[in-house]
Protein backbone atom coordinates (compact mmCIF):
# COMPACT_ATOMS: atom_id res chain seq x y z
CA MET A 1 0.00 0.00 0.00
CA LYS A 2 1.77 3.14 -1.25
CA ARG A 3 1.25 6.59 0.23
CA ARG A 4 1.41 9.92 -1.58
CA ASN A 5 5.08 10.42 -0.74
CA GLY A 6 5.99 7.02 -2.21
CA ARG A 7 6.76 5.26 1.08
CA SER A 8 4.79 2.26 2.22
CA PHE A 9 3.14 1.92 5.61
CA LEU A 10 5.79 -0.58 6.71
CA GLU A 11 8.61 1.80 5.80
CA ARG A 12 7.04 4.65 7.74
CA PHE A 13 6.16 2.77 10.92
CA GLY A 14 8.61 -0.14 10.91
CA PHE A 15 11.08 1.77 13.06
CA TYR A 16 8.46 2.51 15.71
CA PHE A 17 7.24 -1.08 15.71
CA GLY A 18 10.83 -2.30 16.14
CA ALA A 19 11.42 0.18 18.99
CA ILE A 20 8.32 -1.07 20.80
CA ILE A 21 9.41 -4.71 20.38
CA LEU A 22 12.91 -3.82 21.67
CA ALA A 23 11.42 -2.03 24.69
CA VAL A 24 9.28 -5.06 25.55
CA ILE A 25 12.29 -7.40 25.25
CA VAL A 26 14.42 -5.18 27.51
CA TRP A 27 11.54 -4.92 30.00
CA ARG A 28 11.20 -8.72 30.15
CA ILE A 29 14.97 -9.17 30.58
CA GLU A 30 14.97 -6.68 33.46
CA ILE A 31 12.13 -8.56 35.16
CA PHE A 32 14.02 -11.83 34.75
CA MET A 33 17.31 -10.34 36.04
CA GLY A 34 15.69 -8.73 39.07
CA SER A 35 13.77 -11.77 40.26
CA GLY A 36 16.45 -12.92 42.75
CA PRO A 37 16.52 -12.24 46.49
CA SER A 38 17.64 -8.84 47.73
CA ILE A 39 19.49 -8.48 51.04
CA TYR A 40 21.53 -5.39 51.85
CA THR A 41 23.14 -4.28 55.07
CA ALA A 42 25.54 -1.36 54.85
CA ILE A 43 27.82 0.39 57.24
CA PRO A 44 27.23 4.17 57.58
CA ILE A 45 30.19 5.18 55.39
CA GLN A 46 28.90 3.01 52.55
CA GLU A 47 25.48 4.62 52.86
CA LYS A 48 27.06 8.06 52.55
CA ALA A 49 29.06 6.94 49.49
CA VAL A 50 25.92 5.56 47.86
CA ASP A 51 23.99 8.76 48.65
CA ALA A 52 26.76 10.96 47.22
CA PHE A 53 26.96 8.88 44.05
CA LEU A 54 23.21 8.84 43.52
CA GLU A 55 22.91 12.60 44.13
CA MET A 56 25.57 13.28 41.52
CA ASN A 57 23.79 10.93 39.16
CA ARG A 58 20.44 12.68 39.74
CA LEU A 59 22.01 16.10 39.24
CA LEU A 60 23.59 15.23 35.91
CA THR A 61 20.43 13.49 34.72
CA THR A 62 18.32 16.52 35.66
CA LEU A 63 20.73 18.89 33.91
CA ALA A 64 20.79 16.67 30.82
CA THR A 65 17.00 16.49 30.67
CA THR A 66 16.73 20.26 31.06
CA LEU A 67 19.29 20.83 28.33
CA LEU A 68 17.46 18.44 26.03
CA GLY A 69 14.25 20.41 26.64
CA ALA A 70 16.05 23.68 25.90
CA MET A 71 17.31 22.22 22.63
CA GLY A 72 13.80 21.29 21.64
CA LEU A 73 12.46 24.69 22.60
CA LEU A 74 15.04 26.57 20.57
CA LEU A 75 14.74 24.25 17.59
CA PHE A 76 10.97 24.32 17.37
CA GLY A 77 10.10 27.80 18.53
CA GLY A 78 12.96 29.90 19.80
CA PHE A 79 14.82 30.98 16.67
CA LYS A 80 12.69 32.36 13.88
CA GLY A 81 13.30 31.87 10.22
CA LYS A 82 15.93 29.78 8.52
CA SER A 83 18.86 30.71 10.74
CA CYS A 84 18.57 27.45 12.70
CA SER A 85 19.67 25.33 9.76
CA ARG A 86 23.17 26.83 9.79
CA GLU A 87 24.47 24.86 12.78
CA LEU A 88 21.80 22.17 12.87
CA TRP A 89 24.42 19.41 12.89
CA ALA A 90 25.73 20.69 16.24
CA VAL A 91 22.38 20.54 17.98
CA ILE A 92 21.61 17.08 16.59
CA ALA A 93 25.00 15.76 17.73
CA GLY A 94 24.49 17.52 21.08
CA ALA A 95 21.07 15.92 21.52
CA ILE A 96 22.51 12.49 20.77
CA SER A 97 25.29 13.11 23.28
CA ILE A 98 22.80 14.26 25.93
CA CYS A 99 20.68 11.16 25.33
CA LEU A 100 23.79 9.01 25.72
CA SER A 101 24.55 10.83 28.98
CA ILE A 102 21.10 9.98 30.33
CA TYR A 103 21.61 6.37 29.22
CA TYR A 104 25.01 6.10 30.94
CA GLY A 105 23.49 7.60 34.08
CA TYR A 106 20.88 4.87 34.06
CA VAL A 107 23.53 2.19 33.49
CA ALA A 108 25.58 3.57 36.39
CA TYR A 109 22.48 3.54 38.57
CA LEU A 110 21.85 -0.11 37.68
CA ALA A 111 25.50 -0.92 38.47
CA VAL A 112 25.08 0.62 41.94
CA ILE A 113 21.87 -1.32 42.51
CA SER A 114 23.54 -4.59 41.51
CA MET A 115 26.49 -3.84 43.80
CA LEU A 116 24.12 -3.13 46.67
CA GLU A 117 22.29 -6.40 46.07
CA THR A 118 25.53 -8.36 46.34
CA ASN A 119 26.79 -6.19 49.22
CA THR A 120 29.94 -5.26 47.30
CA PHE A 121 29.52 -1.52 46.76
CA ASP A 122 32.80 0.14 45.84
CA PRO A 123 32.68 3.73 44.52
CA TYR A 124 36.09 3.18 42.89
CA SER A 125 35.29 0.00 40.99
CA PRO A 126 36.43 0.23 37.34
CA GLN A 127 32.96 -0.52 35.96
CA LEU A 128 31.29 2.16 38.04
CA LEU A 129 33.99 4.74 37.29
CA ARG A 130 33.73 4.03 33.56
CA GLU A 131 29.97 4.58 33.62
CA GLN A 132 30.36 7.67 35.79
CA TYR A 133 32.93 9.23 33.44
CA ALA A 134 30.86 8.38 30.38
CA HIS A 135 27.82 9.98 32.06
CA PHE A 136 29.67 13.21 32.78
CA TYR A 137 31.72 13.58 29.61
CA THR A 138 28.88 12.83 27.20
CA PHE A 139 26.89 15.51 29.06
CA LEU A 140 29.82 17.91 28.72
CA VAL A 141 30.16 17.25 24.98
CA GLY A 142 26.42 17.80 24.50
CA PHE A 143 26.56 21.04 26.47
CA VAL A 144 29.49 22.36 24.42
CA LEU A 145 27.77 21.48 21.13
CA PHE A 146 24.55 23.14 22.29
CA ALA A 147 26.43 26.25 23.42
CA GLY A 148 28.10 26.42 20.00
CA PHE A 149 24.71 26.13 18.31
CA VAL A 150 23.24 28.91 20.46
CA TYR A 151 26.27 31.15 19.93
CA ALA A 152 26.24 30.71 16.15
CA ASN A 153 22.51 31.37 15.92
CA MET A 154 22.64 34.36 18.27
CA ARG A 155 25.28 35.92 16.02
CA THR A 156 23.16 35.11 12.97
CA GLU A 157 20.04 36.58 14.60
CA ASP A 158 21.97 39.69 15.64
CA GLY A 159 23.26 40.06 12.10
CA HIS A 160 19.72 39.90 10.68
CA GLU A 161 18.41 42.37 13.23
CA ASN A 162 21.16 44.88 12.43
CA SER A 163 20.48 44.61 8.70
CA LYS A 164 16.75 45.24 9.29
CA HIS A 165 17.51 48.36 11.30
CA VAL A 166 19.81 49.64 8.58
CA THR A 167 17.26 49.11 5.80
CA SER A 168 14.37 50.56 7.77
CA ALA A 169 16.27 53.66 8.93
C-alpha cells in the first residue's frame, strides 16, 4: 500500500514497531534479572558513598533532561526563520550526546543497585567509574555542542536584526 510520498506503511512505521518490540524485550529481561533475592546491610560510610553517588547521578540526569528540553524549545520555537539550519548538525550531535549521557546515568544507577544487592559496593570500581565518566563527559560534549549552536545562531540573529535596522532607517 503506497502513500502519496511514495513510502509504504511498513517503511514509515517499521522503526516505531521495532522500537516497541525492543522495549518489551528489555523490560522482560529486566524482570528476569531482578527476580532474585535482595538483602543489603551497609555500614554508615557506605550509605554516605551511595547517597553521594546517587545525588551526583540525579544532578547530571536533571541537567541533561533540562538541556534536552532547551534544545527542543530553541529548535521548534525559539529561533525564527531559517537561521537554525546553519548549525543544525551541532544541535543534533548535542542531543545524541545528551541522550547518551542519560543512558550512561541509568547504566551507572543499575550498576550501583547490583552492587548493593551483592553487598559489594565500591565507589572506585572500574565498571562504576567508567559509567560515571561516560555519564559526565557525554553531558559535557552535549553542552558544548549546544552552546556552539546557540552562539552561532545568536550571532546570525543579531546580524539579521542589524540589517533590518539599517534598511528601515
